[in-house]
Amino acid sequence: MEKKPQDGRTGPPHREAPPAVGLLLALAVVNALLYLCLDWLFISPRRAALEPSHCPYGSFRMGQMKNCSPWLSCQELRTEVRQLKRVGEGAVKRVFLSEWKERKVALSRLTSLEMKDDFLHGLQMLKSLQSKYVVTLLGFCEDDNTILTEYHPLGSLSRLEETLNLSKYQHLNTWQQRLQLAMDYVGILNYLHRSPLGTLVMCDSNDLPKTLSQYLLTSNFSIVVNDLDALPLVNRSAGTLVKCGHRELHGDFVAPEQLWPYGEDTPFHDRLMPSYDEKTDIWKIPDVSSFLLGHVEGSDMVRFHLFDIHKACKSQTPAERPTAQDILDTYQKVLNSLRDTVMSQTREML
């Protein structure tokens, strides 16, 4: 009896795909993943642009808190806040790292009664200007001359280079991230110049280190203004301009209109010193932005694209300087343009 073949299939034998085909498929998958990464790096925000926790006036929310809590009272500050160590000191207040309900907070204490007016002015500004641009107020006690705010462990903006040199933050040391920080800074000035209280001038800014010390770097690498003790109001309708302090100012960092205009032969007198407006803040923007941009790959390219707007900021005539909003718009256009260019060039290389 004839046996039937066990395999009834007919036709040519099965051939495996050549290795080159598999390699091409793998490259296609890698390219697709690279495109997705490029979209994330250059189109999506580089950090979470979290809005502040919106709470009614007189309350706050920070960190992982789900609900708004009323500003802490004198009694609560005295009994619930544990002072740990001093982390900063200025002319107006000393700042202590403290703890409240297992959360790190910053407790500020008045340095001397002579500075109480400045201290209370800063407190009033904190209360009135709560927003994503300003450090979160947690409570205060005028009887004890204390203010409690959110603690930001990365500290003052003056420590930016030190922070970015740490291994855990080196991936953020890019021109994109640094330009975003410059935009944060200009955004704060724009908010102060158009604040709910009117046009406010950032007076504690007579040199670069002093200016940087007024701002804090948050854990998500954004900037908030922290020190509002010297924030006078420009009231154009009433013809009221400002003067930053009662002493003669010197140097190239301050605006020309902040310098004594009558020469060395005439002694300085505060009552003879002309007043000025918020355009003094505009004059300082190029210097602060240059510090924030640093000297990483691409930062000089950014400076080149910002040359014209920064030149306008340095106009000797205050009225000819751009507004903070004009500068912010230009920064955004430059950021978008350069990101599109870098993304296009990178894709062409794939």
C-alpha atoms as a PDB file:
ATOM      1  CA  MET A   1       0.000   0.000   0.000  1.00  0.00           C
ATOM      2  CA  GLU A   2       1.340   3.416  -1.009  1.00  0.00           C
ATOM      3  CA  LYS A   3       1.927   5.876   1.840  1.00  0.00           C
ATOM      4  CA  LYS A   4       0.665   9.490   1.520  1.00  0.00           C
ATOM      5  CA  PRO A   5       3.030  12.283   2.308  1.00  0.00           C
ATOM      6  CA  GLN A   6       2.411  13.690   5.787  1.00  0.00           C
ATOM      7  CA  ASP A   7       2.665  17.292   4.548  1.00  0.00           C
ATOM      8  CA  GLY A   8      -0.007  17.934   1.992  1.00  0.00           C
ATOM      9  CA  ARG A   9       1.261  21.537   1.169  1.00  0.00           C
ATOM     10  CA  THR A  10       2.651  22.155  -2.275  1.00  0.00           C
ATOM     11  CA  GLY A  11       4.673  25.024  -3.746  1.00  0.00           C
ATOM     12  CA  PRO A  12       8.094  26.508  -3.153  1.00  0.00           C
ATOM     13  CA  PRO A  13       9.686  26.174   0.293  1.00  0.00           C
ATOM     14  CA  HIS A  14       9.196  29.084   2.824  1.00  0.00           C
ATOM     15  CA  ARG A  15      12.019  31.640   2.873  1.00  0.00           C
ATOM     16  CA  GLU A  16      12.899  33.874   5.833  1.00  0.00           C
ATOM     17  CA  ALA A  17      13.100  37.650   5.267  1.00  0.00           C
ATOM     18  CA  PRO A  18      16.628  38.916   4.649  1.00  0.00           C
ATOM     19  CA  PRO A  19      18.312  40.546   7.685  1.00  0.00           C
ATOM     20  CA  ALA A  20      18.455  43.872   5.822  1.00  0.00           C
ATOM     21  CA  VAL A  21      14.646  44.098   5.819  1.00  0.00           C
ATOM     22  CA  GLY A  22      14.530  43.715   9.586  1.00  0.00           C
ATOM     23  CA  LEU A  23      17.224  46.352   9.963  1.00  0.00           C
ATOM     24  CA  LEU A  24      15.231  48.798   7.824  1.00  0.00           C
ATOM     25  CA  LEU A  25      12.112  48.181   9.886  1.00  0.00           C
ATOM     26  CA  ALA A  26      14.067  48.796  13.091  1.00  0.00           C
ATOM     27  CA  LEU A  27      15.459  52.051  11.692  1.00  0.00           C
ATOM     28  CA  ALA A  28      11.954  53.167  10.761  1.00  0.00           C
ATOM     29  CA  VAL A  29      10.756  52.558  14.317  1.00  0.00           C
ATOM     30  CA  VAL A  30      13.757  54.424  15.748  1.00  0.00           C
ATOM     31  CA  ASN A  31      13.111  57.371  13.426  1.00  0.00           C
ATOM     32  CA  ALA A  32       9.484  57.489  14.500  1.00  0.00           C
ATOM     33  CA  LEU A  33      10.525  57.529  18.137  1.00  0.00           C
ATOM     34  CA  LEU A  34      13.069  60.285  17.436  1.00  0.00           C
ATOM     35  CA  TYR A  35      10.373  62.394  15.815  1.00  0.00           C
ATOM     36  CA  LEU A  36       8.196  61.972  18.895  1.00  0.00           C
ATOM     37  CA  CYS A  37      11.127  62.980  21.104  1.00  0.00           C
ATOM     38  CA  LEU A  38      11.761  66.056  18.978  1.00  0.00           C
ATOM     39  CA  ASP A  39       8.135  67.078  19.311  1.00  0.00           C
ATOM     40  CA  TRP A  40       8.401  66.731  23.061  1.00  0.00           C
ATOM     41  CA  LEU A  41      11.714  68.612  23.298  1.00  0.00           C
ATOM     42  CA  PHE A  42      11.014  71.511  20.968  1.00  0.00           C
ATOM     43  CA  ILE A  43       7.254  71.930  20.734  1.00  0.00           C
ATOM     44  CA  SER A  44       5.939  70.916  24.135  1.00  0.00           C
ATOM     45  CA  PRO A  45       6.891  73.001  27.181  1.00  0.00           C
ATOM     46  CA  ARG A  46      10.181  71.963  28.747  1.00  0.00           C
ATOM     47  CA  ARG A  47       8.654  72.107  32.206  1.00  0.00           C
ATOM     48  CA  ALA A  48       5.241  72.032  33.727  1.00  0.00           C
ATOM     49  CA  ALA A  49       3.851  75.526  33.436  1.00  0.00           C
ATOM     50  CA  LEU A  50       1.755  75.115  36.512  1.00  0.00           C
ATOM     51  CA  GLU A  51      -0.503  77.987  37.381  1.00  0.00           C
ATOM     52  CA  PRO A  52      -0.505  78.957  41.030  1.00  0.00           C
ATOM     53  CA  SER A  53      -3.168  77.411  43.177  1.00  0.00           C
ATOM     54  CA  HIS A  54      -5.928  79.969  42.872  1.00  0.00           C
ATOM     55  CA  CYS A  55      -7.382  80.685  46.283  1.00  0.00           C
ATOM     56  CA  PRO A  56      -9.605  83.496  47.540  1.00  0.00           C
ATOM     57  CA  TYR A  57      -7.875  86.518  49.015  1.00  0.00           C
ATOM     58  CA  GLY A  58      -6.664  85.708  52.522  1.00  0.00           C
ATOM     59  CA  SER A  59      -5.933  82.029  51.839  1.00  0.00           C
ATOM     60  CA  PHE A  60      -3.282  79.860  50.208  1.00  0.00           C
ATOM     61  CA  ARG A  61      -2.503  76.444  48.817  1.00  0.00           C
ATOM     62  CA  MET A  62       0.950  75.029  48.158  1.00  0.00           C
ATOM     63  CA  GLY A  63       2.584  71.747  47.235  1.00  0.00           C
ATOM     64  CA  GLN A  64       0.194  68.816  47.412  1.00  0.00           C
ATOM     65  CA  MET A  65      -2.454  70.624  49.459  1.00  0.00           C
ATOM     66  CA  LYS A  66      -5.915  69.887  48.032  1.00  0.00           C
ATOM     67  CA  ASN A  67      -7.796  72.712  49.704  1.00  0.00           C
ATOM     68  CA  CYS A  68      -7.131  76.376  50.354  1.00  0.00           C
ATOM     69  CA  SER A  69      -6.182  77.273  53.909  1.00  0.00           C
ATOM     70  CA  PRO A  70      -6.591  80.700  55.548  1.00  0.00           C
ATOM     71  CA  TRP A  71      -3.427  82.695  56.102  1.00  0.00           C
ATOM     72  CA  LEU A  72      -1.927  81.640  59.424  1.00  0.00           C
ATOM     73  CA  SER A  73      -2.640  83.940  62.351  1.00  0.00           C
ATOM     74  CA  CYS A  74      -0.306  85.192  65.065  1.00  0.00           C
ATOM     75  CA  GLN A  75      -1.377  82.382  67.352  1.00  0.00           C
ATOM     76  CA  GLU A  76      -0.832  79.738  64.692  1.00  0.00           C
ATOM     77  CA  LEU A  77       2.562  81.133  63.765  1.00  0.00           C
ATOM     78  CA  ARG A  78       3.619  81.068  67.395  1.00  0.00           C
ATOM     79  CA  THR A  79       2.425  77.535  68.130  1.00  0.00           C
ATOM     80  CA  GLU A  80       2.556  75.607  64.829  1.00  0.00           C
ATOM     81  CA  VAL A  81       5.724  76.910  63.151  1.00  0.00           C
ATOM     82  CA  ARG A  82       9.082  75.531  64.284  1.00  0.00           C
ATOM     83  CA  GLN A  83      12.112  77.658  63.444  1.00  0.00           C
ATOM     84  CA  LEU A  84      15.113  75.603  62.257  1.00  0.00           C
ATOM     85  CA  LYS A  85      18.023  77.716  60.979  1.00  0.00           C
ATOM     86  CA  ARG A  86      18.819  81.076  59.427  1.00  0.00           C
ATOM     87  CA  VAL A  87      19.191  80.917  55.643  1.00  0.00           C
ATOM     88  CA  GLY A  88      19.372  84.589  54.685  1.00  0.00           C
ATOM     89  CA  GLU A  89      19.541  88.161  55.909  1.00  0.00           C
ATOM     90  CA  GLY A  90      19.035  91.593  54.382  1.00  0.00           C
ATOM     91  CA  ALA A  91      18.648  95.142  55.599  1.00  0.00           C
ATOM     92  CA  VAL A  92      14.952  94.654  56.400  1.00  0.00           C
ATOM     93  CA  LYS A  93      14.541  91.053  57.522  1.00  0.00           C
ATOM     94  CA  ARG A  94      16.215  87.799  58.497  1.00  0.00           C
ATOM     95  CA  VAL A  95      14.924  84.606  56.883  1.00  0.00           C
ATOM     96  CA  PHE A  96      14.781  81.268  58.701  1.00  0.00           C
ATOM     97  CA  LEU A  97      14.135  77.822  57.297  1.00  0.00           C
ATOM     98  CA  SER A  98      11.225  76.585  59.398  1.00  0.00           C
ATOM     99  CA  GLU A  99       8.679  73.776  59.532  1.00  0.00           C
ATOM    100  CA  TRP A 100       4.887  73.843  59.537  1.00  0.00           C
ATOM    101  CA  LYS A 101       2.912  70.594  59.578  1.00  0.00           C
ATOM    102  CA  GLU A 102       5.942  68.672  58.243  1.00  0.00           C
ATOM    103  CA  ARG A 103       6.358  71.156  55.382  1.00  0.00           C
ATOM    104  CA  LYS A 104       9.428  73.336  54.931  1.00  0.00           C
ATOM    105  CA  VAL A 105       8.537  77.038  55.006  1.00  0.00           C
ATOM    106  CA  ALA A 106      10.384  80.369  55.174  1.00  0.00           C
ATOM    107  CA  LEU A 107       9.896  82.552  58.257  1.00  0.00           C
ATOM    108  CA  SER A 108      10.981  86.193  57.924  1.00  0.00           C
ATOM    109  CA  ARG A 109      11.631  88.369  60.963  1.00  0.00           C
ATOM    110  CA  LEU A 110      12.151  92.130  61.051  1.00  0.00           C
ATOM    111  CA  THR A 111      15.814  93.012  61.636  1.00  0.00           C
ATOM    112  CA  SER A 112      15.248  96.307  63.468  1.00  0.00           C
ATOM    113  CA  LEU A 113      12.350  98.621  64.275  1.00  0.00           C
ATOM    114  CA  GLU A 114      13.940 101.320  62.108  1.00  0.00           C
ATOM    115  CA  MET A 115      13.051  99.213  59.068  1.00  0.00           C
ATOM    116  CA  LYS A 116       9.481  98.452  60.114  1.00  0.00           C
ATOM    117  CA  ASP A 117       7.883 100.708  57.491  1.00  0.00           C
ATOM    118  CA  ASP A 118       9.722  98.867  54.730  1.00  0.00           C
ATOM    119  CA  PHE A 119       8.820  95.543  56.321  1.00  0.00           C
ATOM    120  CA  LEU A 120       5.114  96.411  56.445  1.00  0.00           C
ATOM    121  CA  HIS A 121       5.225  97.768  52.894  1.00  0.00           C
ATOM    122  CA  GLY A 122       6.664  94.450  51.717  1.00  0.00           C
ATOM    123  CA  LEU A 123       3.948  92.580  53.578  1.00  0.00           C
ATOM    124  CA  GLN A 124       1.229  94.714  52.001  1.00  0.00           C
ATOM    125  CA  MET A 125       2.684  94.057  48.549  1.00  0.00           C
ATOM    126  CA  LEU A 126       2.770  90.307  49.229  1.00  0.00           C
ATOM    127  CA  LYS A 127      -0.865  90.357  50.304  1.00  0.00           C
ATOM    128  CA  SER A 128      -2.014  92.403  47.325  1.00  0.00           C
ATOM    129  CA  LEU A 129       0.024  90.780  44.552  1.00  0.00           C
ATOM    130  CA  GLN A 130      -0.454  87.055  45.164  1.00  0.00           C
ATOM    131  CA  SER A 131      -0.120  85.372  41.753  1.00  0.00           C
ATOM    132  CA  LYS A 132       2.123  82.958  39.864  1.00  0.00           C
ATOM    133  CA  TYR A 133       4.729  85.734  39.721  1.00  0.00           C
ATOM    134  CA  VAL A 134       5.049  86.213  43.499  1.00  0.00           C
ATOM    135  CA  VAL A 135       6.144  83.867  46.282  1.00  0.00           C
ATOM    136  CA  THR A 136       3.165  82.336  48.101  1.00  0.00           C
ATOM    137  CA  LEU A 137       2.203  84.057  51.352  1.00  0.00           C
ATOM    138  CA  LEU A 138       1.236  81.589  54.099  1.00  0.00           C
ATOM    139  CA  GLY A 139       0.652  83.909  57.035  1.00  0.00           C
ATOM    140  CA  PHE A 140       1.903  86.902  58.993  1.00  0.00           C
ATOM    141  CA  CYS A 141       1.859  88.525  62.410  1.00  0.00           C
ATOM    142  CA  GLU A 142       2.301  92.283  62.568  1.00  0.00           C
ATOM    143  CA  ASP A 143       2.501  92.152  66.374  1.00  0.00           C
ATOM    144  CA  ASP A 144       5.570  89.906  66.164  1.00  0.00           C
ATOM    145  CA  ASN A 145       6.904  91.383  62.903  1.00  0.00           C
ATOM    146  CA  THR A 146       6.936  87.997  61.158  1.00  0.00           C
ATOM    147  CA  ILE A 147       5.942  86.809  57.672  1.00  0.00           C
ATOM    148  CA  LEU A 148       5.621  83.178  56.568  1.00  0.00           C
ATOM    149  CA  THR A 149       6.074  82.234  52.902  1.00  0.00           C
ATOM    150  CA  GLU A 150       6.619  79.121  50.808  1.00  0.00           C
ATOM    151  CA  TYR A 151      10.173  77.772  50.957  1.00  0.00           C
ATOM    152  CA  HIS A 152      12.102  77.207  47.718  1.00  0.00           C
ATOM    153  CA  PRO A 153      15.174  75.040  48.401  1.00  0.00           C
ATOM    154  CA  LEU A 154      17.052  76.131  45.240  1.00  0.00           C
ATOM    155  CA  GLY A 155      17.271  79.574  46.777  1.00  0.00           C
ATOM    156  CA  SER A 156      18.069  82.907  45.192  1.00  0.00           C
ATOM    157  CA  LEU A 157      18.401  83.393  41.447  1.00  0.00           C
ATOM    158  CA  SER A 158      22.001  84.459  42.093  1.00  0.00           C
ATOM    159  CA  ARG A 159      22.787  80.750  42.663  1.00  0.00           C
ATOM    160  CA  LEU A 160      21.635  79.735  39.183  1.00  0.00           C
ATOM    161  CA  GLU A 161      25.072  78.700  37.878  1.00  0.00           C
ATOM    162  CA  GLU A 162      25.821  76.759  41.046  1.00  0.00           C
ATOM    163  CA  THR A 163      22.502  74.938  40.712  1.00  0.00           C
ATOM    164  CA  LEU A 164      22.910  74.102  37.028  1.00  0.00           C
ATOM    165  CA  ASN A 165      26.373  72.679  37.711  1.00  0.00           C
ATOM    166  CA  LEU A 166      24.825  69.990  39.905  1.00  0.00           C
ATOM    167  CA  SER A 167      24.560  66.670  38.067  1.00  0.00           C
ATOM    168  CA  LYS A 168      20.811  66.348  38.674  1.00  0.00           C
ATOM    169  CA  TYR A 169      20.140  69.665  36.905  1.00  0.00           C
ATOM    170  CA  GLN A 170      22.726  69.605  34.120  1.00  0.00           C
ATOM    171  CA  HIS A 171      20.116  68.392  31.605  1.00  0.00           C
ATOM    172  CA  LEU A 172      18.364  71.744  32.119  1.00  0.00           C
ATOM    173  CA  ASN A 173      21.481  73.747  31.282  1.00  0.00           C
ATOM    174  CA  THR A 174      20.347  74.591  27.737  1.00  0.00           C
ATOM    175  CA  TRP A 175      19.715  77.824  25.867  1.00  0.00           C
ATOM    176  CA  GLN A 176      16.007  76.944  25.703  1.00  0.00           C
ATOM    177  CA  GLN A 177      15.668  76.631  29.464  1.00  0.00           C
ATOM    178  CA  ARG A 178      17.788  79.719  30.109  1.00  0.00           C
ATOM    179  CA  LEU A 179      15.775  81.821  27.671  1.00  0.00           C
ATOM    180  CA  GLN A 180      12.622  80.629  29.424  1.00  0.00           C
ATOM    181  CA  LEU A 181      14.069  81.899  32.709  1.00  0.00           C
ATOM    182  CA  ALA A 182      14.725  85.274  31.083  1.00  0.00           C
ATOM    183  CA  MET A 183      11.095  85.291  29.940  1.00  0.00           C
ATOM    184  CA  ASP A 184      10.001  84.553  33.504  1.00  0.00           C
ATOM    185  CA  TYR A 185      12.013  87.520  34.743  1.00  0.00           C
ATOM    186  CA  VAL A 186      10.590  89.922  32.148  1.00  0.00           C
ATOM    187  CA  GLY A 187       7.121  88.486  32.808  1.00  0.00           C
ATOM    188  CA  ILE A 188       7.425  89.433  36.482  1.00  0.00           C
ATOM    189  CA  LEU A 189       8.401  92.996  35.593  1.00  0.00           C
ATOM    190  CA  ASN A 190       5.501  93.157  33.149  1.00  0.00           C
ATOM    191  CA  TYR A 191       3.146  92.045  35.920  1.00  0.00           C
ATOM    192  CA  LEU A 192       4.521  94.674  38.330  1.00  0.00           C
ATOM    193  CA  HIS A 193       4.257  97.408  35.700  1.00  0.00           C
ATOM    194  CA  ARG A 194       0.612  96.446  35.081  1.00  0.00           C
ATOM    195  CA  SER A 195      -0.314  95.246  38.553  1.00  0.00           C
ATOM    196  CA  PRO A 196      -3.731  95.511  40.221  1.00  0.00           C
ATOM    197  CA  LEU A 197      -2.250  98.329  42.304  1.00  0.00           C
ATOM    198  CA  GLY A 198      -0.909 100.276  39.324  1.00  0.00           C
ATOM    199  CA  THR A 199       2.586 100.681  37.894  1.00  0.00           C
ATOM    200  CA  LEU A 200       5.164  99.457  40.420  1.00  0.00           C
ATOM    201  CA  VAL A 201       8.937  99.925  40.118  1.00  0.00           C
ATOM    202  CA  MET A 202      11.433  97.288  41.318  1.00  0.00           C
ATOM    203  CA  CYS A 203      13.704  99.591  43.311  1.00  0.00           C
ATOM    204  CA  ASP A 204      15.918  97.031  45.077  1.00  0.00           C
ATOM    205  CA  SER A 205      17.967  96.643  41.910  1.00  0.00           C
ATOM    206  CA  ASN A 206      20.964  98.970  42.016  1.00  0.00           C
ATOM    207  CA  ASP A 207      23.406  96.263  40.884  1.00  0.00           C
ATOM    208  CA  LEU A 208      23.191  92.777  39.386  1.00  0.00           C
ATOM    209  CA  PRO A 209      23.783  90.739  42.601  1.00  0.00           C
ATOM    210  CA  LYS A 210      21.178  92.804  44.487  1.00  0.00           C
ATOM    211  CA  THR A 211      18.684  92.404  41.660  1.00  0.00           C
ATOM    212  CA  LEU A 212      19.140  88.630  41.457  1.00  0.00           C
ATOM    213  CA  SER A 213      18.707  88.304  45.227  1.00  0.00           C
ATOM    214  CA  GLN A 214      15.135  89.573  44.944  1.00  0.00           C
ATOM    215  CA  TYR A 215      14.034  86.456  43.036  1.00  0.00           C
ATOM    216  CA  LEU A 216      13.781  82.763  43.871  1.00  0.00           C
ATOM    217  CA  LEU A 217      14.288  79.731  41.622  1.00  0.00           C
ATOM    218  CA  THR A 218      11.482  77.215  42.110  1.00  0.00           C
ATOM    219  CA  SER A 219      11.802  73.432  41.987  1.00  0.00           C
ATOM    220  CA  ASN A 220      10.205  73.338  38.517  1.00  0.00           C
ATOM    221  CA  PHE A 221      12.752  75.914  37.301  1.00  0.00           C
ATOM    222  CA  SER A 222      10.581  78.971  37.112  1.00  0.00           C
ATOM    223  CA  ILE A 223      11.160  82.314  38.840  1.00  0.00           C
ATOM    224  CA  VAL A 224       9.091  84.103  41.487  1.00  0.00           C
ATOM    225  CA  VAL A 225       9.785  87.491  43.026  1.00  0.00           C
ATOM    226  CA  ASN A 226      10.376  87.240  46.745  1.00  0.00           C
ATOM    227  CA  ASP A 227      11.380  90.649  48.074  1.00  0.00           C
ATOM    228  CA  LEU A 228       8.853  93.451  47.627  1.00  0.00           C
ATOM    229  CA  ASP A 229      10.038  95.823  50.358  1.00  0.00           C
ATOM    230  CA  ALA A 230      10.960  98.604  47.887  1.00  0.00           C
ATOM    231  CA  LEU A 231       8.170  98.784  45.327  1.00  0.00           C
ATOM    232  CA  PRO A 232       7.005 102.391  44.889  1.00  0.00           C
ATOM    233  CA  LEU A 233       4.012 103.332  42.752  1.00  0.00           C
ATOM    234  CA  VAL A 234       4.096 105.467  39.615  1.00  0.00           C
ATOM    235  CA  ASN A 235       0.882 107.491  39.297  1.00  0.00           C
ATOM    236  CA  ARG A 236       0.987 109.338  35.998  1.00  0.00           C
ATOM    237  CA  SER A 237      -2.512 110.760  36.322  1.00  0.00           C
ATOM    238  CA  ALA A 238      -1.429 112.472  39.539  1.00  0.00           C
ATOM    239  CA  GLY A 239       1.992 113.336  38.140  1.00  0.00           C
ATOM    240  CA  THR A 240       3.713 111.142  40.716  1.00  0.00           C
ATOM    241  CA  LEU A 241       6.981 109.459  39.745  1.00  0.00           C
ATOM    242  CA  VAL A 242       9.449 107.633  42.007  1.00  0.00           C
ATOM    243  CA  LYS A 243      12.973 107.718  43.405  1.00  0.00           C
ATOM    244  CA  CYS A 244      14.725 104.549  44.540  1.00  0.00           C
ATOM    245  CA  GLY A 245      16.042 105.551  47.939  1.00  0.00           C
ATOM    246  CA  HIS A 246      17.471 108.826  49.166  1.00  0.00           C
ATOM    247  CA  ARG A 247      21.145 108.302  48.372  1.00  0.00           C
ATOM    248  CA  GLU A 248      23.182 108.977  45.255  1.00  0.00           C
ATOM    249  CA  LEU A 249      23.434 106.009  42.890  1.00  0.00           C
ATOM    250  CA  HIS A 250      26.472 105.121  40.785  1.00  0.00           C
ATOM    251  CA  GLY A 251      27.503 102.730  38.036  1.00  0.00           C
ATOM    252  CA  ASP A 252      26.382 101.537  34.614  1.00  0.00           C
ATOM    253  CA  PHE A 253      23.802  99.034  35.886  1.00  0.00           C
ATOM    254  CA  VAL A 254      21.312 101.681  36.991  1.00  0.00           C
ATOM    255  CA  ALA A 255      19.522 103.743  34.348  1.00  0.00           C
ATOM    256  CA  PRO A 256      21.004 107.133  33.342  1.00  0.00           C
ATOM    257  CA  GLU A 257      18.054 109.013  34.834  1.00  0.00           C
ATOM    258  CA  GLN A 258      18.875 107.461  38.221  1.00  0.00           C
ATOM    259  CA  LEU A 259      22.284 109.167  38.282  1.00  0.00           C
ATOM    260  CA  TRP A 260      22.931 112.606  39.771  1.00  0.00           C
ATOM    261  CA  PRO A 261      22.547 114.951  36.764  1.00  0.00           C
ATOM    262  CA  TYR A 262      24.298 118.101  38.051  1.00  0.00           C
ATOM    263  CA  GLY A 263      27.937 117.058  37.977  1.00  0.00           C
ATOM    264  CA  GLU A 264      30.595 116.533  40.623  1.00  0.00           C
ATOM    265  CA  ASP A 265      30.808 120.209  41.480  1.00  0.00           C
ATOM    266  CA  THR A 266      27.255 120.201  42.862  1.00  0.00           C
ATOM    267  CA  PRO A 267      26.825 118.121  46.036  1.00  0.00           C
ATOM    268  CA  PHE A 268      24.059 115.515  45.951  1.00  0.00           C
ATOM    269  CA  HIS A 269      20.760 116.567  47.555  1.00  0.00           C
ATOM    270  CA  ASP A 270      17.813 114.197  47.492  1.00  0.00           C
ATOM    271  CA  ARG A 271      15.304 117.043  47.129  1.00  0.00           C
ATOM    272  CA  LEU A 272      17.056 118.162  43.910  1.00  0.00           C
ATOM    273  CA  MET A 273      17.242 114.684  42.421  1.00  0.00           C
ATOM    274  CA  PRO A 274      14.700 114.272  39.570  1.00  0.00           C
ATOM    275  CA  SER A 275      12.238 111.407  39.862  1.00  0.00           C
ATOM    276  CA  TYR A 276      11.643 108.743  37.201  1.00  0.00           C
ATOM    277  CA  ASP A 277       9.342 105.885  36.198  1.00  0.00           C
ATOM    278  CA  GLU A 278       9.301 102.134  35.494  1.00  0.00           C
ATOM    279  CA  LYS A 279      11.550 102.486  32.444  1.00  0.00           C
ATOM    280  CA  THR A 280      14.482 102.184  34.869  1.00  0.00           C
ATOM    281  CA  ASP A 281      13.551  98.502  35.129  1.00  0.00           C
ATOM    282  CA  ILE A 282      13.651  98.196  31.333  1.00  0.00           C
ATOM    283  CA  TRP A 283      17.222  99.554  31.191  1.00  0.00           C
ATOM    284  CA  LYS A 284      18.411  96.665  33.398  1.00  0.00           C
ATOM    285  CA  ILE A 285      16.760  93.824  31.474  1.00  0.00           C
ATOM    286  CA  PRO A 286      19.640  93.173  29.008  1.00  0.00           C
ATOM    287  CA  ASP A 287      22.153  92.757  31.852  1.00  0.00           C
ATOM    288  CA  VAL A 288      19.930  90.394  33.837  1.00  0.00           C
ATOM    289  CA  SER A 289      19.010  88.409  30.722  1.00  0.00           C
ATOM    290  CA  SER A 290      22.669  88.070  29.752  1.00  0.00           C
ATOM    291  CA  PHE A 291      23.392  86.552  33.157  1.00  0.00           C
ATOM    292  CA  LEU A 292      20.457  84.157  32.807  1.00  0.00           C
ATOM    293  CA  LEU A 293      21.483  83.083  29.286  1.00  0.00           C
ATOM    294  CA  GLY A 294      24.948  82.178  30.537  1.00  0.00           C
ATOM    295  CA  HIS A 295      27.554  80.713  28.190  1.00  0.00           C
ATOM    296  CA  VAL A 296      26.111  77.410  27.035  1.00  0.00           C
ATOM    297  CA  GLU A 297      25.921  76.203  23.442  1.00  0.00           C
ATOM    298  CA  GLY A 298      23.401  78.381  21.625  1.00  0.00           C
ATOM    299  CA  SER A 299      23.296  81.252  24.116  1.00  0.00           C
ATOM    300  CA  ASP A 300      25.303  83.570  21.845  1.00  0.00           C
ATOM    301  CA  MET A 301      22.870  82.781  19.045  1.00  0.00           C
ATOM    302  CA  VAL A 302      20.031  83.900  21.320  1.00  0.00           C
ATOM    303  CA  ARG A 303      21.893  87.101  22.211  1.00  0.00           C
ATOM    304  CA  PHE A 304      22.315  87.856  18.506  1.00  0.00           C
ATOM    305  CA  HIS A 305      18.562  87.573  17.913  1.00  0.00           C
ATOM    306  CA  LEU A 306      17.830  89.753  20.955  1.00  0.00           C
ATOM    307  CA  PHE A 307      20.356  92.430  20.009  1.00  0.00           C
ATOM    308  CA  ASP A 308      17.855  94.939  18.583  1.00  0.00           C
ATOM    309  CA  ILE A 309      15.360  94.781  21.462  1.00  0.00           C
ATOM    310  CA  HIS A 310      18.174  94.975  24.014  1.00  0.00           C
ATOM    311  CA  LYS A 311      19.667  97.951  22.196  1.00  0.00           C
ATOM    312  CA  ALA A 312      16.282  99.669  22.462  1.00  0.00           C
ATOM    313  CA  CYS A 313      16.237  98.921  26.215  1.00  0.00           C
ATOM    314  CA  LYS A 314      19.466 100.925  26.552  1.00  0.00           C
ATOM    315  CA  SER A 315      18.077 104.083  24.965  1.00  0.00           C
ATOM    316  CA  GLN A 316      19.233 107.163  26.852  1.00  0.00           C
ATOM    317  CA  THR A 317      15.688 108.511  26.530  1.00  0.00           C
ATOM    318  CA  PRO A 318      13.369 106.553  28.854  1.00  0.00           C
ATOM    319  CA  ALA A 319      10.254 107.135  26.720  1.00  0.00           C
ATOM    320  CA  GLU A 320      11.967 105.476  23.751  1.00  0.00           C
ATOM    321  CA  ARG A 321      12.556 102.211  25.607  1.00  0.00           C
ATOM    322  CA  PRO A 322      10.119  99.357  24.920  1.00  0.00           C
ATOM    323  CA  THR A 323       7.615  98.147  27.475  1.00  0.00           C
ATOM    324  CA  ALA A 324       8.116  94.883  29.362  1.00  0.00           C
ATOM    325  CA  GLN A 325       5.287  93.427  27.263  1.00  0.00           C
ATOM    326  CA  ASP A 326       7.114  94.390  24.039  1.00  0.00           C
ATOM    327  CA  ILE A 327      10.235  92.627  25.285  1.00  0.00           C
ATOM    328  CA  LEU A 328       8.288  89.566  26.412  1.00  0.00           C
ATOM    329  CA  ASP A 329       6.652  89.297  22.986  1.00  0.00           C
ATOM    330  CA  THR A 330      10.059  89.514  21.290  1.00  0.00           C
ATOM    331  CA  TYR A 331      11.535  86.850  23.574  1.00  0.00           C
ATOM    332  CA  GLN A 332       8.629  84.532  22.746  1.00  0.00           C
ATOM    333  CA  LYS A 333       9.075  85.073  18.995  1.00  0.00           C
ATOM    334  CA  VAL A 334      12.798  84.347  19.237  1.00  0.00           C
ATOM    335  CA  LEU A 335      12.184  81.211  21.303  1.00  0.00           C
ATOM    336  CA  ASN A 336       9.601  79.913  18.824  1.00  0.00           C
ATOM    337  CA  SER A 337      11.743  80.735  15.795  1.00  0.00           C
ATOM    338  CA  LEU A 338      14.917  79.149  17.123  1.00  0.00           C
ATOM    339  CA  ARG A 339      13.114  76.038  18.332  1.00  0.00           C
ATOM    340  CA  ASP A 340      11.547  75.598  14.884  1.00  0.00           C
ATOM    341  CA  THR A 341      14.946  76.040  13.228  1.00  0.00           C
ATOM    342  CA  VAL A 342      16.701  73.557  15.517  1.00  0.00           C
ATOM    343  CA  MET A 343      13.899  71.012  15.134  1.00  0.00           C
ATOM    344  CA  SER A 344      13.949  71.327  11.339  1.00  0.00           C
ATOM    345  CA  GLN A 345      17.720  70.923  11.161  1.00  0.00           C
ATOM    346  CA  THR A 346      17.650  67.910  13.450  1.00  0.00           C
ATOM    347  CA  ARG A 347      14.920  66.203  11.451  1.00  0.00           C
ATOM    348  CA  GLU A 348      16.873  66.708   8.229  1.00  0.00           C
ATOM    349  CA  MET A 349      19.775  64.840   9.797  1.00  0.00           C
ATOM    350  CA  LEU A 350      17.661  61.748  10.469  1.00  0.00           C
END
